Full PDB file with SEQRES, HELIX, SHEET, SSBOND, CRYST1, ORIGX, SCALE, CONECT and MASTER records, all heavy atoms in Angstrom:
SEQRES   1 A   31  ASN GLU ARG LEU HIS TRP LEU THR GLY PHE THR GLY SER          
SEQRES   2 A   31  ALA GLY ALA ALA VAL VAL THR GLN ASP ARG ALA ALA ILE          
SEQRES   3 A   31  PHE VAL ASP GLY ARG                                          
HELIX    1 AA1 ARG A    3  THR A    8  1                                   6    
SHEET    1 AA1 2 ALA A  16  VAL A  19  0                                        
SHEET    2 AA1 2 ALA A  24  PHE A  27 -1                                        
CRYST1    1.000    1.000    1.000  90.00  90.00  90.00 P 1           1          
ORIGX1      1.000000  0.000000  0.000000        0.00000                         
ORIGX2      0.000000  1.000000  0.000000        0.00000                         
ORIGX3      0.000000  0.000000  1.000000        0.00000                         
SCALE1      1.000000  0.000000  0.000000        0.00000                         
SCALE2      0.000000  1.000000  0.000000        0.00000                         
SCALE3      0.000000  0.000000  1.000000        0.00000                         
ATOM      1  N   ASN A   1     184.084 -96.207 216.370  1.00  0.00           N  
ATOM      2  CA  ASN A   1     184.036 -97.130 215.238  1.00  0.00           C  
ATOM      3  C   ASN A   1     184.620 -98.509 215.555  1.00  0.00           C  
ATOM      4  O   ASN A   1     184.810 -99.322 214.646  1.00  0.00           O  
ATOM      5  CB  ASN A   1     184.763 -96.530 214.037  1.00  0.00           C  
ATOM      6  CG  ASN A   1     183.964 -95.439 213.363  1.00  0.00           C  
ATOM      7  OD1 ASN A   1     182.758 -95.301 213.596  1.00  0.00           O  
ATOM      8  ND2 ASN A   1     184.613 -94.647 212.523  1.00  0.00           N  
ATOM      9  N   GLU A   2     184.872 -98.789 216.828  1.00  0.00           N  
ATOM     10  CA  GLU A   2     185.452-100.078 217.215  1.00  0.00           C  
ATOM     11  C   GLU A   2     184.360-101.150 217.275  1.00  0.00           C  
ATOM     12  O   GLU A   2     184.030-101.704 218.334  1.00  0.00           O  
ATOM     13  CB  GLU A   2     186.168 -99.961 218.566  1.00  0.00           C  
ATOM     14  CG  GLU A   2     187.501 -99.246 218.502  1.00  0.00           C  
ATOM     15  CD  GLU A   2     188.634-100.141 218.013  1.00  0.00           C  
ATOM     16  OE1 GLU A   2     188.355-101.296 217.600  1.00  0.00           O  
ATOM     17  OE2 GLU A   2     189.792 -99.702 218.029  1.00  0.00           O  
ATOM     18  N   ARG A   3     183.831-101.476 216.109  1.00  0.00           N  
ATOM     19  CA  ARG A   3     182.689-102.384 216.045  1.00  0.00           C  
ATOM     20  C   ARG A   3     183.065-103.825 216.392  1.00  0.00           C  
ATOM     21  O   ARG A   3     182.318-104.526 217.069  1.00  0.00           O  
ATOM     22  CB  ARG A   3     182.066-102.314 214.649  1.00  0.00           C  
ATOM     23  CG  ARG A   3     181.509-100.927 214.309  1.00  0.00           C  
ATOM     24  CD  ARG A   3     181.006-100.856 212.872  1.00  0.00           C  
ATOM     25  NE  ARG A   3     180.430 -99.553 212.562  1.00  0.00           N  
ATOM     26  CZ  ARG A   3     181.103 -98.521 212.075  1.00  0.00           C  
ATOM     27  NH1 ARG A   3     182.405 -98.629 211.838  1.00  0.00           N  
ATOM     28  NH2 ARG A   3     180.495 -97.381 211.814  1.00  0.00           N  
ATOM     29  N   LEU A   4     184.228-104.288 215.908  1.00  0.00           N  
ATOM     30  CA  LEU A   4     184.656-105.657 216.212  1.00  0.00           C  
ATOM     31  C   LEU A   4     184.897-105.820 217.708  1.00  0.00           C  
ATOM     32  O   LEU A   4     184.548-106.849 218.299  1.00  0.00           O  
ATOM     33  CB  LEU A   4     185.922-106.003 215.422  1.00  0.00           C  
ATOM     34  CG  LEU A   4     186.442-107.428 215.589  1.00  0.00           C  
ATOM     35  CD1 LEU A   4     185.438-108.444 215.052  1.00  0.00           C  
ATOM     36  CD2 LEU A   4     187.785-107.609 214.896  1.00  0.00           C  
ATOM     37  N   HIS A   5     185.494-104.818 218.333  1.00  0.00           N  
ATOM     38  CA  HIS A   5     185.712-104.854 219.774  1.00  0.00           C  
ATOM     39  C   HIS A   5     184.387-104.925 220.515  1.00  0.00           C  
ATOM     40  O   HIS A   5     184.232-105.695 221.479  1.00  0.00           O  
ATOM     41  CB  HIS A   5     186.498-103.614 220.217  1.00  0.00           C  
ATOM     42  CG  HIS A   5     186.675-103.510 221.701  1.00  0.00           C  
ATOM     43  ND1 HIS A   5     186.498-102.336 222.396  1.00  0.00           N  
ATOM     44  CD2 HIS A   5     186.983-104.443 222.633  1.00  0.00           C  
ATOM     45  CE1 HIS A   5     186.699-102.556 223.687  1.00  0.00           C  
ATOM     46  NE2 HIS A   5     186.994-103.819 223.850  1.00  0.00           N  
ATOM     47  N   TRP A   6     183.409-104.121 220.098  1.00  0.00           N  
ATOM     48  CA  TRP A   6     182.102-104.140 220.768  1.00  0.00           C  
ATOM     49  C   TRP A   6     181.492-105.534 220.732  1.00  0.00           C  
ATOM     50  O   TRP A   6     180.972-106.028 221.739  1.00  0.00           O  
ATOM     51  CB  TRP A   6     181.152-103.143 220.092  1.00  0.00           C  
ATOM     52  CG  TRP A   6     179.777-103.154 220.702  1.00  0.00           C  
ATOM     53  CD1 TRP A   6     179.342-102.462 221.790  1.00  0.00           C  
ATOM     54  CD2 TRP A   6     178.651-103.940 220.259  1.00  0.00           C  
ATOM     55  NE1 TRP A   6     178.026-102.756 222.056  1.00  0.00           N  
ATOM     56  CE2 TRP A   6     177.571-103.666 221.131  1.00  0.00           C  
ATOM     57  CE3 TRP A   6     178.448-104.845 219.214  1.00  0.00           C  
ATOM     58  CZ2 TRP A   6     176.312-104.259 220.993  1.00  0.00           C  
ATOM     59  CZ3 TRP A   6     177.197-105.442 219.069  1.00  0.00           C  
ATOM     60  CH2 TRP A   6     176.154-105.142 219.939  1.00  0.00           C  
ATOM     61  N   LEU A   7     181.595-106.195 219.588  1.00  0.00           N  
ATOM     62  CA  LEU A   7     180.962-107.502 219.434  1.00  0.00           C  
ATOM     63  C   LEU A   7     181.702-108.612 220.154  1.00  0.00           C  
ATOM     64  O   LEU A   7     181.087-109.452 220.818  1.00  0.00           O  
ATOM     65  CB  LEU A   7     180.850-107.849 217.941  1.00  0.00           C  
ATOM     66  CG  LEU A   7     180.254-109.218 217.612  1.00  0.00           C  
ATOM     67  CD1 LEU A   7     178.780-109.274 218.019  1.00  0.00           C  
ATOM     68  CD2 LEU A   7     180.429-109.532 216.131  1.00  0.00           C  
ATOM     69  N   THR A   8     183.038-108.617 220.055  1.00  0.00           N  
ATOM     70  CA  THR A   8     183.816-109.791 220.495  1.00  0.00           C  
ATOM     71  C   THR A   8     184.651-109.572 221.748  1.00  0.00           C  
ATOM     72  O   THR A   8     185.045-110.538 222.396  1.00  0.00           O  
ATOM     73  CB  THR A   8     184.770-110.235 219.375  1.00  0.00           C  
ATOM     74  OG1 THR A   8     185.762-109.213 219.176  1.00  0.00           O  
ATOM     75  CG2 THR A   8     184.015-110.476 218.074  1.00  0.00           C  
ATOM     76  N   GLY A   9     185.015-108.311 222.044  1.00  0.00           N  
ATOM     77  CA  GLY A   9     185.951-108.039 223.129  1.00  0.00           C  
ATOM     78  C   GLY A   9     187.392-107.986 222.677  1.00  0.00           C  
ATOM     79  O   GLY A   9     188.287-107.641 223.454  1.00  0.00           O  
ATOM     80  N   PHE A  10     187.665-108.285 221.405  1.00  0.00           N  
ATOM     81  CA  PHE A  10     189.035-108.287 220.888  1.00  0.00           C  
ATOM     82  C   PHE A  10     189.503-106.855 220.645  1.00  0.00           C  
ATOM     83  O   PHE A  10     188.800-106.063 220.017  1.00  0.00           O  
ATOM     84  CB  PHE A  10     189.094-109.082 219.583  1.00  0.00           C  
ATOM     85  CG  PHE A  10     190.438-109.082 218.914  1.00  0.00           C  
ATOM     86  CD1 PHE A  10     191.540-109.657 219.532  1.00  0.00           C  
ATOM     87  CD2 PHE A  10     190.602-108.509 217.664  1.00  0.00           C  
ATOM     88  CE1 PHE A  10     192.782-109.662 218.907  1.00  0.00           C  
ATOM     89  CE2 PHE A  10     191.834-108.504 217.031  1.00  0.00           C  
ATOM     90  CZ  PHE A  10     192.929-109.084 217.655  1.00  0.00           C  
ATOM     91  N   THR A  11     190.707-106.533 221.139  1.00  0.00           N  
ATOM     92  CA  THR A  11     191.211-105.155 221.066  1.00  0.00           C  
ATOM     93  C   THR A  11     192.361-104.973 220.083  1.00  0.00           C  
ATOM     94  O   THR A  11     192.931-103.888 219.998  1.00  0.00           O  
ATOM     95  CB  THR A  11     191.693-104.690 222.452  1.00  0.00           C  
ATOM     96  OG1 THR A  11     192.744-105.550 222.891  1.00  0.00           O  
ATOM     97  CG2 THR A  11     190.555-104.682 223.461  1.00  0.00           C  
ATOM     98  N   GLY A  12     192.722-106.001 219.336  1.00  0.00           N  
ATOM     99  CA  GLY A  12     193.833-105.885 218.401  1.00  0.00           C  
ATOM    100  C   GLY A  12     193.519-104.957 217.245  1.00  0.00           C  
ATOM    101  O   GLY A  12     192.365-104.572 217.017  1.00  0.00           O  
ATOM    102  N   SER A  13     194.570-104.609 216.491  1.00  0.00           N  
ATOM    103  CA  SER A  13     194.425-103.637 215.400  1.00  0.00           C  
ATOM    104  C   SER A  13     194.106-104.284 214.066  1.00  0.00           C  
ATOM    105  O   SER A  13     193.948-103.579 213.068  1.00  0.00           O  
ATOM    106  CB  SER A  13     195.706-102.803 215.277  1.00  0.00           C  
ATOM    107  OG  SER A  13     196.800-103.625 214.909  1.00  0.00           O  
ATOM    108  N   ALA A  14     194.013-105.601 214.009  1.00  0.00           N  
ATOM    109  CA  ALA A  14     193.669-106.286 212.764  1.00  0.00           C  
ATOM    110  C   ALA A  14     192.878-107.542 213.099  1.00  0.00           C  
ATOM    111  O   ALA A  14     193.248-108.297 213.997  1.00  0.00           O  
ATOM    112  CB  ALA A  14     194.926-106.643 211.976  1.00  0.00           C  
ATOM    113  N   GLY A  15     191.803-107.748 212.368  1.00  0.00           N  
ATOM    114  CA  GLY A  15     191.000-108.937 212.621  1.00  0.00           C  
ATOM    115  C   GLY A  15     189.635-108.828 211.976  1.00  0.00           C  
ATOM    116  O   GLY A  15     189.294-107.828 211.338  1.00  0.00           O  
ATOM    117  N   ALA A  16     188.841-109.878 212.130  1.00  0.00           N  
ATOM    118  CA  ALA A  16     187.476-109.911 211.600  1.00  0.00           C  
ATOM    119  C   ALA A  16     186.730-111.027 212.294  1.00  0.00           C  
ATOM    120  O   ALA A  16     187.333-111.920 212.905  1.00  0.00           O  
ATOM    121  CB  ALA A  16     187.486-110.138 210.085  1.00  0.00           C  
ATOM    122  N   ALA A  17     185.406-110.973 212.196  1.00  0.00           N  
ATOM    123  CA  ALA A  17     184.559-112.040 212.731  1.00  0.00           C  
ATOM    124  C   ALA A  17     183.526-112.418 211.682  1.00  0.00           C  
ATOM    125  O   ALA A  17     183.086-111.581 210.891  1.00  0.00           O  
ATOM    126  CB  ALA A  17     183.879-111.601 214.020  1.00  0.00           C  
ATOM    127  N   VAL A  18     183.163-113.672 211.676  1.00  0.00           N  
ATOM    128  CA  VAL A  18     182.026-114.149 210.891  1.00  0.00           C  
ATOM    129  C   VAL A  18     181.040-114.774 211.859  1.00  0.00           C  
ATOM    130  O   VAL A  18     181.421-115.606 212.694  1.00  0.00           O  
ATOM    131  CB  VAL A  18     182.453-115.183 209.825  1.00  0.00           C  
ATOM    132  CG1 VAL A  18     181.214-115.742 209.122  1.00  0.00           C  
ATOM    133  CG2 VAL A  18     183.397-114.567 208.813  1.00  0.00           C  
ATOM    134  N   VAL A  19     179.796-114.368 211.764  1.00  0.00           N  
ATOM    135  CA  VAL A  19     178.752-114.906 212.633  1.00  0.00           C  
ATOM    136  C   VAL A  19     177.670-115.531 211.758  1.00  0.00           C  
ATOM    137  O   VAL A  19     177.205-114.910 210.789  1.00  0.00           O  
ATOM    138  CB  VAL A  19     178.141-113.802 213.524  1.00  0.00           C  
ATOM    139  CG1 VAL A  19     177.003-114.372 214.380  1.00  0.00           C  
ATOM    140  CG2 VAL A  19     179.206-113.176 214.414  1.00  0.00           C  
ATOM    141  N   THR A  20     177.299-116.771 212.064  1.00  0.00           N  
ATOM    142  CA  THR A  20     176.155-117.424 211.431  1.00  0.00           C  
ATOM    143  C   THR A  20     175.120-117.669 212.531  1.00  0.00           C  
ATOM    144  O   THR A  20     175.325-117.270 213.685  1.00  0.00           O  
ATOM    145  CB  THR A  20     176.556-118.757 210.780  1.00  0.00           C  
ATOM    146  OG1 THR A  20     176.820-119.723 211.800  1.00  0.00           O  
ATOM    147  CG2 THR A  20     177.794-118.592 209.911  1.00  0.00           C  
ATOM    148  N   GLN A  21     174.038-118.348 212.195  1.00  0.00           N  
ATOM    149  CA  GLN A  21     173.009-118.585 213.204  1.00  0.00           C  
ATOM    150  C   GLN A  21     173.433-119.603 214.258  1.00  0.00           C  
ATOM    151  O   GLN A  21     172.908-119.600 215.371  1.00  0.00           O  
ATOM    152  CB  GLN A  21     171.707-119.041 212.538  1.00  0.00           C  
ATOM    153  CG  GLN A  21     170.958-117.929 211.835  1.00  0.00           C  
ATOM    154  CD  GLN A  21     170.523-116.808 212.789  1.00  0.00           C  
ATOM    155  OE1 GLN A  21     170.432-116.985 214.008  1.00  0.00           O  
ATOM    156  NE2 GLN A  21     170.271-115.627 212.230  1.00  0.00           N  
ATOM    157  N   ASP A  22     174.405-120.443 213.950  1.00  0.00           N  
ATOM    158  CA  ASP A  22     174.797-121.450 214.946  1.00  0.00           C  
ATOM    159  C   ASP A  22     176.305-121.529 215.197  1.00  0.00           C  
ATOM    160  O   ASP A  22     176.756-122.319 216.014  1.00  0.00           O  
ATOM    161  CB  ASP A  22     174.277-122.830 214.537  1.00  0.00           C  
ATOM    162  CG  ASP A  22     174.746-123.254 213.145  1.00  0.00           C  
ATOM    163  OD1 ASP A  22     175.513-122.497 212.517  1.00  0.00           O  
ATOM    164  OD2 ASP A  22     174.345-124.343 212.707  1.00  0.00           O  
ATOM    165  N   ARG A  23     177.085-120.704 214.488  1.00  0.00           N  
ATOM    166  CA  ARG A  23     178.533-120.720 214.695  1.00  0.00           C  
ATOM    167  C   ARG A  23     179.078-119.303 214.596  1.00  0.00           C  
ATOM    168  O   ARG A  23     178.412-118.403 214.070  1.00  0.00           O  
ATOM    169  CB  ARG A  23     179.226-121.601 213.643  1.00  0.00           C  
ATOM    170  CG  ARG A  23     178.883-123.071 213.733  1.00  0.00           C  
ATOM    171  CD  ARG A  23     179.518-123.852 212.612  1.00  0.00           C  
ATOM    172  NE  ARG A  23     180.975-123.926 212.703  1.00  0.00           N  
ATOM    173  CZ  ARG A  23     181.743-124.506 211.795  1.00  0.00           C  
ATOM    174  NH1 ARG A  23     181.192-125.071 210.715  1.00  0.00           N  
ATOM    175  NH2 ARG A  23     183.045-124.547 211.940  1.00  0.00           N  
ATOM    176  N   ALA A  24     180.290-119.123 215.114  1.00  0.00           N  
ATOM    177  CA  ALA A  24     180.976-117.837 214.978  1.00  0.00           C  
ATOM    178  C   ALA A  24     182.473-118.108 214.974  1.00  0.00           C  
ATOM    179  O   ALA A  24     182.953-119.040 215.633  1.00  0.00           O  
ATOM    180  CB  ALA A  24     180.614-116.889 216.106  1.00  0.00           C  
ATOM    181  N   ALA A  25     183.189-117.299 214.231  1.00  0.00           N  
ATOM    182  CA  ALA A  25     184.650-117.449 214.155  1.00  0.00           C  
ATOM    183  C   ALA A  25     185.286-116.068 214.191  1.00  0.00           C  
ATOM    184  O   ALA A  25     184.726-115.097 213.670  1.00  0.00           O  
ATOM    185  CB  ALA A  25     185.054-118.180 212.883  1.00  0.00           C  
ATOM    186  N   ILE A  26     186.460-115.980 214.835  1.00  0.00           N  
ATOM    187  CA  ILE A  26     187.221-114.731 214.834  1.00  0.00           C  
ATOM    188  C   ILE A  26     188.572-115.010 214.194  1.00  0.00           C  
ATOM    189  O   ILE A  26     189.186-116.064 214.421  1.00  0.00           O  
ATOM    190  CB  ILE A  26     187.366-114.139 216.245  1.00  0.00           C  
ATOM    191  CG1 ILE A  26     188.044-112.763 216.159  1.00  0.00           C  
ATOM    192  CG2 ILE A  26     188.090-115.074 217.200  1.00  0.00           C  
ATOM    193  CD1 ILE A  26     187.849-111.902 217.380  1.00  0.00           C  
ATOM    194  N   PHE A  27     189.028-114.062 213.386  1.00  0.00           N  
ATOM    195  CA  PHE A  27     190.228-114.231 212.569  1.00  0.00           C  
ATOM    196  C   PHE A  27     191.253-113.179 212.968  1.00  0.00           C  
ATOM    197  O   PHE A  27     190.959-111.978 212.941  1.00  0.00           O  
ATOM    198  CB  PHE A  27     189.870-114.061 211.091  1.00  0.00           C  
ATOM    199  CG  PHE A  27     188.791-114.993 210.617  1.00  0.00           C  
ATOM    200  CD1 PHE A  27     187.454-114.730 210.903  1.00  0.00           C  
ATOM    201  CD2 PHE A  27     189.109-116.133 209.902  1.00  0.00           C  
ATOM    202  CE1 PHE A  27     186.451-115.588 210.473  1.00  0.00           C  
ATOM    203  CE2 PHE A  27     188.107-116.997 209.466  1.00  0.00           C  
ATOM    204  CZ  PHE A  27     186.778-116.725 209.759  1.00  0.00           C  
ATOM    205  N   VAL A  28     192.459-113.618 213.349  1.00  0.00           N  
ATOM    206  CA  VAL A  28     193.539-112.699 213.706  1.00  0.00           C  
ATOM    207  C   VAL A  28     194.829-113.200 213.082  1.00  0.00           C  
ATOM    208  O   VAL A  28     194.949-114.371 212.728  1.00  0.00           O  
ATOM    209  CB  VAL A  28     193.710-112.575 215.244  1.00  0.00           C  
ATOM    210  CG1 VAL A  28     192.439-112.055 215.885  1.00  0.00           C  
ATOM    211  CG2 VAL A  28     194.121-113.901 215.874  1.00  0.00           C  
ATOM    212  N   ASP A  29     195.813-112.295 212.956  1.00  0.00           N  
ATOM    213  CA  ASP A  29     197.098-112.705 212.400  1.00  0.00           C  
ATOM    214  C   ASP A  29     198.044-113.145 213.514  1.00  0.00           C  
ATOM    215  O   ASP A  29     197.663-113.221 214.682  1.00  0.00           O  
ATOM    216  CB  ASP A  29     197.704-111.602 211.523  1.00  0.00           C  
ATOM    217  CG  ASP A  29     198.025-110.325 212.298  1.00  0.00           C  
ATOM    218  OD1 ASP A  29     198.264-110.398 213.515  1.00  0.00           O  
ATOM    219  OD2 ASP A  29     198.059-109.247 211.670  1.00  0.00           O  
ATOM    220  N   GLY A  30     199.304-113.415 213.127  1.00  0.00           N  
ATOM    221  CA  GLY A  30     200.261-114.000 214.070  1.00  0.00           C  
ATOM    222  C   GLY A  30     200.571-113.147 215.272  1.00  0.00           C  
ATOM    223  O   GLY A  30     201.008-113.665 216.311  1.00  0.00           O  
ATOM    224  N   ARG A  31     200.336-111.836 215.191  1.00  0.00           N  
ATOM    225  CA  ARG A  31     200.613-110.960 216.320  1.00  0.00           C  
ATOM    226  C   ARG A  31     199.659-111.204 217.488  1.00  0.00           C  
ATOM    227  O   ARG A  31     199.965-110.877 218.628  1.00  0.00           O  
ATOM    228  CB  ARG A  31     200.501-109.492 215.889  1.00  0.00           C  
ATOM    229  CG  ARG A  31     201.508-109.044 214.864  1.00  0.00           C  
ATOM    230  CD  ARG A  31     201.183-107.656 214.355  1.00  0.00           C  
ATOM    231  NE  ARG A  31     199.927-107.599 213.632  1.00  0.00           N  
ATOM    232  CZ  ARG A  31     199.352-106.478 213.214  1.00  0.00           C  
ATOM    233  NH1 ARG A  31     199.907-105.312 213.474  1.00  0.00           N  
ATOM    234  NH2 ARG A  31     198.219-106.519 212.545  1.00  0.00           N  
TER     235      ARG A  31                                                      
MASTER        0    0    0    1    2    0    0    6  234    1    0    3          
END                                                                             
């Protein structure tokens, strides 16, 4: 179920990504 990791390579325990047709952003906390 590590879907965010599959898409982005990020291995942290909290985060999210938004993908549009021409931009993408990844969101993580201070850790």
